[in-house]
Amino acid sequence: MRHRLAGKQLNRNTPQRAALRRGLLTELFRHGAIQTTGAKADSIRNEAEKMITKAKRSLAAGDSIKVVNARRQAAAVLYGNDIVKKLFDEIAPKFATRNGGYTRTYKLGMRKGDAAEMVQIELVDEE
């Protein structure tokens, strides 16, 4: 029974699921948009929004201890320090005036091989 269990299992065990999410988040922040299945996009969307909010709040606070702590927390999830730097230096300031809703998903149709629903998840362009 799955009573009170949060998150999707994605037919993987715990380490595989964590690695998949880390990889998808890293590529989302690296490229700004990725194409994946709907279930995988739903599983990383919440975490991506929380990471951007954490980066935004740490930069707004201006306290160096909070900035360093937030960078360490992001580095624990993302692959590569270059992506952490991009998150804090480029992505978070871009959403400084936006209150959430940093990602958007578009349905792309069904995948030819197994008819899985494909979506494109991307970071919203602040205008």
Protein backbone atom coordinates (compact mmCIF):
# COMPACT_ATOMS: atom_id res chain seq x y z
CA MET A 1 0.00 0.00 0.00
CA ARG A 2 1.22 3.50 -0.81
CA HIS A 3 -0.43 5.39 2.02
CA ARG A 4 1.22 8.77 2.64
CA LEU A 5 4.14 8.14 0.28
CA ALA A 6 5.14 11.18 -1.71
CA GLY A 7 6.70 11.22 -5.14
CA LYS A 8 6.62 8.91 -8.13
CA GLN A 9 8.65 5.71 -8.27
CA LEU A 10 9.17 5.76 -12.06
CA ASN A 11 9.75 1.97 -12.01
CA ARG A 12 13.21 2.43 -10.48
CA ASN A 13 14.80 1.72 -7.14
CA THR A 14 15.82 4.61 -4.88
CA PRO A 15 19.41 5.26 -6.08
CA GLN A 16 18.41 5.00 -9.74
CA ARG A 17 15.50 7.38 -9.19
CA ALA A 18 17.72 9.91 -7.39
CA ALA A 19 20.31 9.77 -10.17
CA LEU A 20 17.63 10.20 -12.83
CA ARG A 21 16.19 13.26 -11.10
CA ARG A 22 19.64 14.78 -10.58
CA GLY A 23 20.47 14.27 -14.24
CA LEU A 24 17.20 15.73 -15.47
CA LEU A 25 17.50 18.77 -13.19
CA THR A 26 21.09 19.38 -14.26
CA GLU A 27 20.18 19.24 -17.95
CA LEU A 28 17.13 21.46 -17.42
CA PHE A 29 19.28 24.17 -15.86
CA ARG A 30 22.07 23.66 -18.42
CA HIS A 31 19.90 23.90 -21.55
CA GLY A 32 16.81 25.71 -20.31
CA ALA A 33 14.50 23.07 -21.81
CA ILE A 34 14.45 19.28 -22.13
CA GLN A 35 12.19 16.71 -23.76
CA THR A 36 11.18 13.80 -21.55
CA THR A 37 8.15 11.75 -20.57
CA GLY A 38 5.28 13.37 -18.71
CA ALA A 39 5.86 11.35 -15.53
CA LYS A 40 9.54 12.31 -15.36
CA ALA A 41 8.74 15.97 -15.99
CA ASP A 42 6.13 15.93 -13.22
CA SER A 43 8.62 14.38 -10.82
CA ILE A 44 11.29 17.08 -11.33
CA ARG A 45 9.11 20.16 -11.74
CA ASN A 46 8.52 20.72 -8.03
CA GLU A 47 12.19 20.26 -7.18
CA ALA A 48 13.29 22.67 -9.92
CA GLU A 49 10.90 25.34 -8.66
CA LYS A 50 12.17 24.91 -5.09
CA MET A 51 15.81 25.18 -6.16
CA ILE A 52 15.19 28.41 -8.08
CA THR A 53 13.28 29.87 -5.13
CA LYS A 54 16.05 28.91 -2.72
CA ALA A 55 18.67 30.53 -4.98
CA LYS A 56 16.53 33.64 -5.37
CA ARG A 57 15.93 34.06 -1.63
CA SER A 58 19.58 33.52 -0.73
CA LEU A 59 20.65 36.21 -3.19
CA ALA A 60 17.98 38.61 -1.95
CA ALA A 61 19.04 38.12 1.68
CA GLY A 62 22.58 39.22 0.86
CA ASP A 63 23.95 37.33 3.86
CA SER A 64 27.06 35.48 2.71
CA ILE A 65 26.38 32.54 5.04
CA LYS A 66 22.93 31.98 3.51
CA VAL A 67 24.33 32.23 -0.01
CA VAL A 68 27.07 29.70 0.72
CA ASN A 69 24.62 27.32 2.42
CA ALA A 70 22.16 27.53 -0.48
CA ARG A 71 24.97 26.87 -2.98
CA ARG A 72 26.06 23.81 -1.00
CA GLN A 73 22.51 22.49 -0.95
CA ALA A 74 22.21 23.00 -4.71
CA ALA A 75 25.61 21.36 -5.30
CA ALA A 76 24.41 18.31 -3.36
CA VAL A 77 21.64 17.82 -5.93
CA LEU A 78 23.11 19.03 -9.23
CA TYR A 79 25.98 17.50 -11.19
CA GLY A 80 28.80 20.02 -11.69
CA ASN A 81 29.74 23.31 -10.10
CA ASP A 82 29.27 25.11 -13.41
CA ILE A 83 25.52 24.41 -13.24
CA VAL A 84 25.33 25.65 -9.63
CA LYS A 85 27.10 28.84 -10.72
CA LYS A 86 24.68 29.26 -13.62
CA LEU A 87 21.69 28.71 -11.33
CA PHE A 88 22.79 31.41 -8.90
CA ASP A 89 24.35 33.91 -11.34
CA GLU A 90 22.02 33.71 -14.36
CA ILE A 91 18.78 31.86 -13.66
CA ALA A 92 17.83 33.13 -10.18
CA PRO A 93 18.34 36.85 -10.94
CA LYS A 94 16.22 36.42 -14.08
CA PHE A 95 13.25 35.46 -11.88
CA ALA A 96 13.83 38.08 -9.16
CA THR A 97 10.40 39.68 -9.58
CA ARG A 98 8.45 36.50 -10.32
CA ASN A 99 6.58 34.70 -7.53
CA GLY A 100 6.79 31.09 -8.63
CA GLY A 101 5.82 29.38 -11.85
CA TYR A 102 9.35 29.22 -13.24
CA THR A 103 8.75 26.16 -15.43
CA ARG A 104 6.29 25.33 -18.20
CA THR A 105 5.44 22.04 -19.89
CA TYR A 106 4.23 21.49 -23.43
CA LYS A 107 2.73 18.23 -24.61
CA LEU A 108 4.52 16.89 -27.67
CA GLY A 109 2.45 13.80 -28.40
CA MET A 110 3.20 10.13 -28.05
CA ARG A 111 6.61 8.52 -28.45
CA LYS A 112 6.71 6.20 -31.41
CA GLY A 113 8.34 3.19 -29.72
CA ASP A 114 6.17 2.70 -26.64
CA ALA A 115 3.47 5.38 -26.94
CA ALA A 116 4.68 7.21 -23.82
CA GLU A 117 3.42 10.77 -23.50
CA MET A 118 6.31 13.12 -24.33
CA VAL A 119 6.51 16.66 -23.00
CA GLN A 120 8.95 19.53 -23.16
CA ILE A 121 9.69 21.14 -19.80
CA GLU A 122 11.37 24.52 -19.98
CA LEU A 123 12.23 27.52 -17.88
CA VAL A 124 9.88 30.43 -18.49
CA ASP A 125 11.43 33.48 -20.16
CA GLU A 126 10.90 36.50 -17.91
CA GLU A 127 9.81 39.47 -20.02
